[in-house]
Amino acid sequence: MPQWREIGNLNGRVVAYPYCMSTGALSVVRVRRLLADGTARRVRENAGLSRADVARELEVNESTVGRWEDRKRVPRARVAVRYAELLDQLLDLESHV
């Protein structure tokens, strides 16, 4: 039976993953959590980026980013991994300001 590691709380529910999960899978879980709690939007706005800027970087439609931030949809695995990388860069920049 796998051991589980807690990575946060989502709407009162504990979010955890098995130790054996890949980095990509962790990125998917993480970016979906950041979108759900509004952190992704806050980070984007603090960086002075528009939804269109993020969409261009991820090669998706601006409306897609909007649906993610409005919690109507969640990004699929491949794009979620790239989005997590972008958010990590923005969070890193934010922490150095």
C-alpha atoms as a PDB file:
ATOM      1  CA  MET A   1       0.000   0.000   0.000  1.00  0.00           C
ATOM      2  CA  PRO A   2       1.511   3.408  -0.968  1.00  0.00           C
ATOM      3  CA  GLN A   3       2.323   6.079   1.572  1.00  0.00           C
ATOM      4  CA  TRP A   4       0.622   9.437   0.999  1.00  0.00           C
ATOM      5  CA  ARG A   5       1.997  12.955   1.322  1.00  0.00           C
ATOM      6  CA  GLU A   6      -0.345  15.851   2.043  1.00  0.00           C
ATOM      7  CA  ILE A   7       0.168  18.851  -0.249  1.00  0.00           C
ATOM      8  CA  GLY A   8      -2.627  21.140   0.839  1.00  0.00           C
ATOM      9  CA  ASN A   9      -6.271  21.733   1.429  1.00  0.00           C
ATOM     10  CA  LEU A  10      -8.896  22.284  -1.256  1.00  0.00           C
ATOM     11  CA  ASN A  11     -12.328  23.467  -0.175  1.00  0.00           C
ATOM     12  CA  GLY A  12     -11.926  21.790   3.205  1.00  0.00           C
ATOM     13  CA  ARG A  13     -10.626  18.537   1.730  1.00  0.00           C
ATOM     14  CA  VAL A  14      -7.083  17.312   2.199  1.00  0.00           C
ATOM     15  CA  VAL A  15      -5.173  16.979  -1.064  1.00  0.00           C
ATOM     16  CA  ALA A  16      -2.546  14.257  -1.013  1.00  0.00           C
ATOM     17  CA  TYR A  17      -0.536  12.188  -3.442  1.00  0.00           C
ATOM     18  CA  PRO A  18       1.291   8.883  -3.231  1.00  0.00           C
ATOM     19  CA  TYR A  19       5.079   9.117  -2.877  1.00  0.00           C
ATOM     20  CA  CYS A  20       5.403   7.190  -6.136  1.00  0.00           C
ATOM     21  CA  MET A  21       3.692   9.885  -8.265  1.00  0.00           C
ATOM     22  CA  SER A  22       5.759  11.446 -11.020  1.00  0.00           C
ATOM     23  CA  THR A  23       6.818  15.076 -11.060  1.00  0.00           C
ATOM     24  CA  GLY A  24       4.464  15.728 -13.974  1.00  0.00           C
ATOM     25  CA  ALA A  25       1.517  14.318 -12.088  1.00  0.00           C
ATOM     26  CA  LEU A  26       2.431  16.444  -9.075  1.00  0.00           C
ATOM     27  CA  SER A  27       2.478  19.518 -11.316  1.00  0.00           C
ATOM     28  CA  VAL A  28      -1.034  18.731 -12.532  1.00  0.00           C
ATOM     29  CA  VAL A  29      -2.337  18.387  -8.982  1.00  0.00           C
ATOM     30  CA  ARG A  30      -0.516  21.530  -7.878  1.00  0.00           C
ATOM     31  CA  VAL A  31      -1.665  23.795 -10.714  1.00  0.00           C
ATOM     32  CA  ARG A  32      -5.252  22.660 -10.281  1.00  0.00           C
ATOM     33  CA  ARG A  33      -5.001  23.511  -6.570  1.00  0.00           C
ATOM     34  CA  LEU A  34      -3.515  26.954  -7.359  1.00  0.00           C
ATOM     35  CA  LEU A  35      -6.375  27.622  -9.774  1.00  0.00           C
ATOM     36  CA  ALA A  36      -9.032  26.429  -7.331  1.00  0.00           C
ATOM     37  CA  ASP A  37      -7.908  28.696  -4.490  1.00  0.00           C
ATOM     38  CA  GLY A  38      -7.366  31.739  -6.726  1.00  0.00           C
ATOM     39  CA  THR A  39      -3.588  31.812  -6.325  1.00  0.00           C
ATOM     40  CA  ALA A  40      -2.917  31.372 -10.041  1.00  0.00           C
ATOM     41  CA  ARG A  41      -4.958  34.476 -10.914  1.00  0.00           C
ATOM     42  CA  ARG A  42      -3.342  36.512  -8.132  1.00  0.00           C
ATOM     43  CA  VAL A  43       0.156  35.516  -9.240  1.00  0.00           C
ATOM     44  CA  ARG A  44      -0.633  36.352 -12.876  1.00  0.00           C
ATOM     45  CA  GLU A  45      -2.093  39.735 -11.962  1.00  0.00           C
ATOM     46  CA  ASN A  46       0.791  40.580  -9.602  1.00  0.00           C
ATOM     47  CA  ALA A  47       3.202  39.821 -12.448  1.00  0.00           C
ATOM     48  CA  GLY A  48       1.301  42.279 -14.660  1.00  0.00           C
ATOM     49  CA  LEU A  49       0.294  39.583 -17.129  1.00  0.00           C
ATOM     50  CA  SER A  50      -3.039  39.363 -18.893  1.00  0.00           C
ATOM     51  CA  ARG A  51      -4.911  36.170 -19.613  1.00  0.00           C
ATOM     52  CA  ALA A  52      -3.849  36.667 -23.229  1.00  0.00           C
ATOM     53  CA  ASP A  53      -0.176  36.724 -22.164  1.00  0.00           C
ATOM     54  CA  VAL A  54      -0.541  33.430 -20.321  1.00  0.00           C
ATOM     55  CA  ALA A  55      -2.544  31.925 -23.182  1.00  0.00           C
ATOM     56  CA  ARG A  56       0.175  32.847 -25.669  1.00  0.00           C
ATOM     57  CA  GLU A  57       2.859  31.301 -23.486  1.00  0.00           C
ATOM     58  CA  LEU A  58       0.866  28.065 -23.080  1.00  0.00           C
ATOM     59  CA  GLU A  59      -0.381  28.025 -26.686  1.00  0.00           C
ATOM     60  CA  VAL A  60      -4.059  27.948 -25.711  1.00  0.00           C
ATOM     61  CA  ASN A  61      -6.951  30.368 -26.242  1.00  0.00           C
ATOM     62  CA  GLU A  62      -7.371  33.299 -23.878  1.00  0.00           C
ATOM     63  CA  SER A  63     -10.885  32.051 -23.086  1.00  0.00           C
ATOM     64  CA  THR A  64      -9.361  28.748 -21.954  1.00  0.00           C
ATOM     65  CA  VAL A  65      -7.266  30.507 -19.327  1.00  0.00           C
ATOM     66  CA  GLY A  66     -10.386  32.391 -18.285  1.00  0.00           C
ATOM     67  CA  ARG A  67     -12.354  29.183 -17.841  1.00  0.00           C
ATOM     68  CA  TRP A  68      -9.535  27.751 -15.701  1.00  0.00           C
ATOM     69  CA  GLU A  69      -9.386  30.841 -13.508  1.00  0.00           C
ATOM     70  CA  ASP A  70     -13.181  30.980 -13.232  1.00  0.00           C
ATOM     71  CA  ARG A  71     -13.107  27.325 -12.102  1.00  0.00           C
ATOM     72  CA  LYS A  72     -15.273  26.158 -14.998  1.00  0.00           C
ATOM     73  CA  ARG A  73     -12.594  23.844 -16.396  1.00  0.00           C
ATOM     74  CA  VAL A  74      -9.237  22.431 -15.368  1.00  0.00           C
ATOM     75  CA  PRO A  75      -6.136  22.213 -17.544  1.00  0.00           C
ATOM     76  CA  ARG A  76      -5.263  18.813 -18.936  1.00  0.00           C
ATOM     77  CA  ALA A  77      -2.013  17.117 -18.035  1.00  0.00           C
ATOM     78  CA  ARG A  78       0.440  18.394 -20.651  1.00  0.00           C
ATOM     79  CA  VAL A  79      -0.692  22.011 -20.465  1.00  0.00           C
ATOM     80  CA  ALA A  80      -1.054  21.812 -16.678  1.00  0.00           C
ATOM     81  CA  VAL A  81       2.613  20.839 -16.367  1.00  0.00           C
ATOM     82  CA  ARG A  82       3.656  23.818 -18.520  1.00  0.00           C
ATOM     83  CA  TYR A  83       1.309  26.111 -16.567  1.00  0.00           C
ATOM     84  CA  ALA A  84       2.820  24.891 -13.283  1.00  0.00           C
ATOM     85  CA  GLU A  85       6.293  25.724 -14.606  1.00  0.00           C
ATOM     86  CA  LEU A  86       5.132  29.222 -15.590  1.00  0.00           C
ATOM     87  CA  LEU A  87       3.505  29.796 -12.195  1.00  0.00           C
ATOM     88  CA  ASP A  88       6.666  28.585 -10.444  1.00  0.00           C
ATOM     89  CA  GLN A  89       8.697  31.164 -12.382  1.00  0.00           C
ATOM     90  CA  LEU A  90       6.221  33.905 -11.510  1.00  0.00           C
ATOM     91  CA  LEU A  91       6.127  32.883  -7.844  1.00  0.00           C
ATOM     92  CA  ASP A  92       9.924  32.911  -7.784  1.00  0.00           C
ATOM     93  CA  LEU A  93       9.966  36.429  -9.237  1.00  0.00           C
ATOM     94  CA  GLU A  94       7.310  37.509  -6.731  1.00  0.00           C
ATOM     95  CA  SER A  95       9.363  36.244  -3.803  1.00  0.00           C
ATOM     96  CA  HIS A  96      12.406  38.265  -4.930  1.00  0.00           C
ATOM     97  CA  VAL A  97      10.550  41.581  -5.076  1.00  0.00           C
END
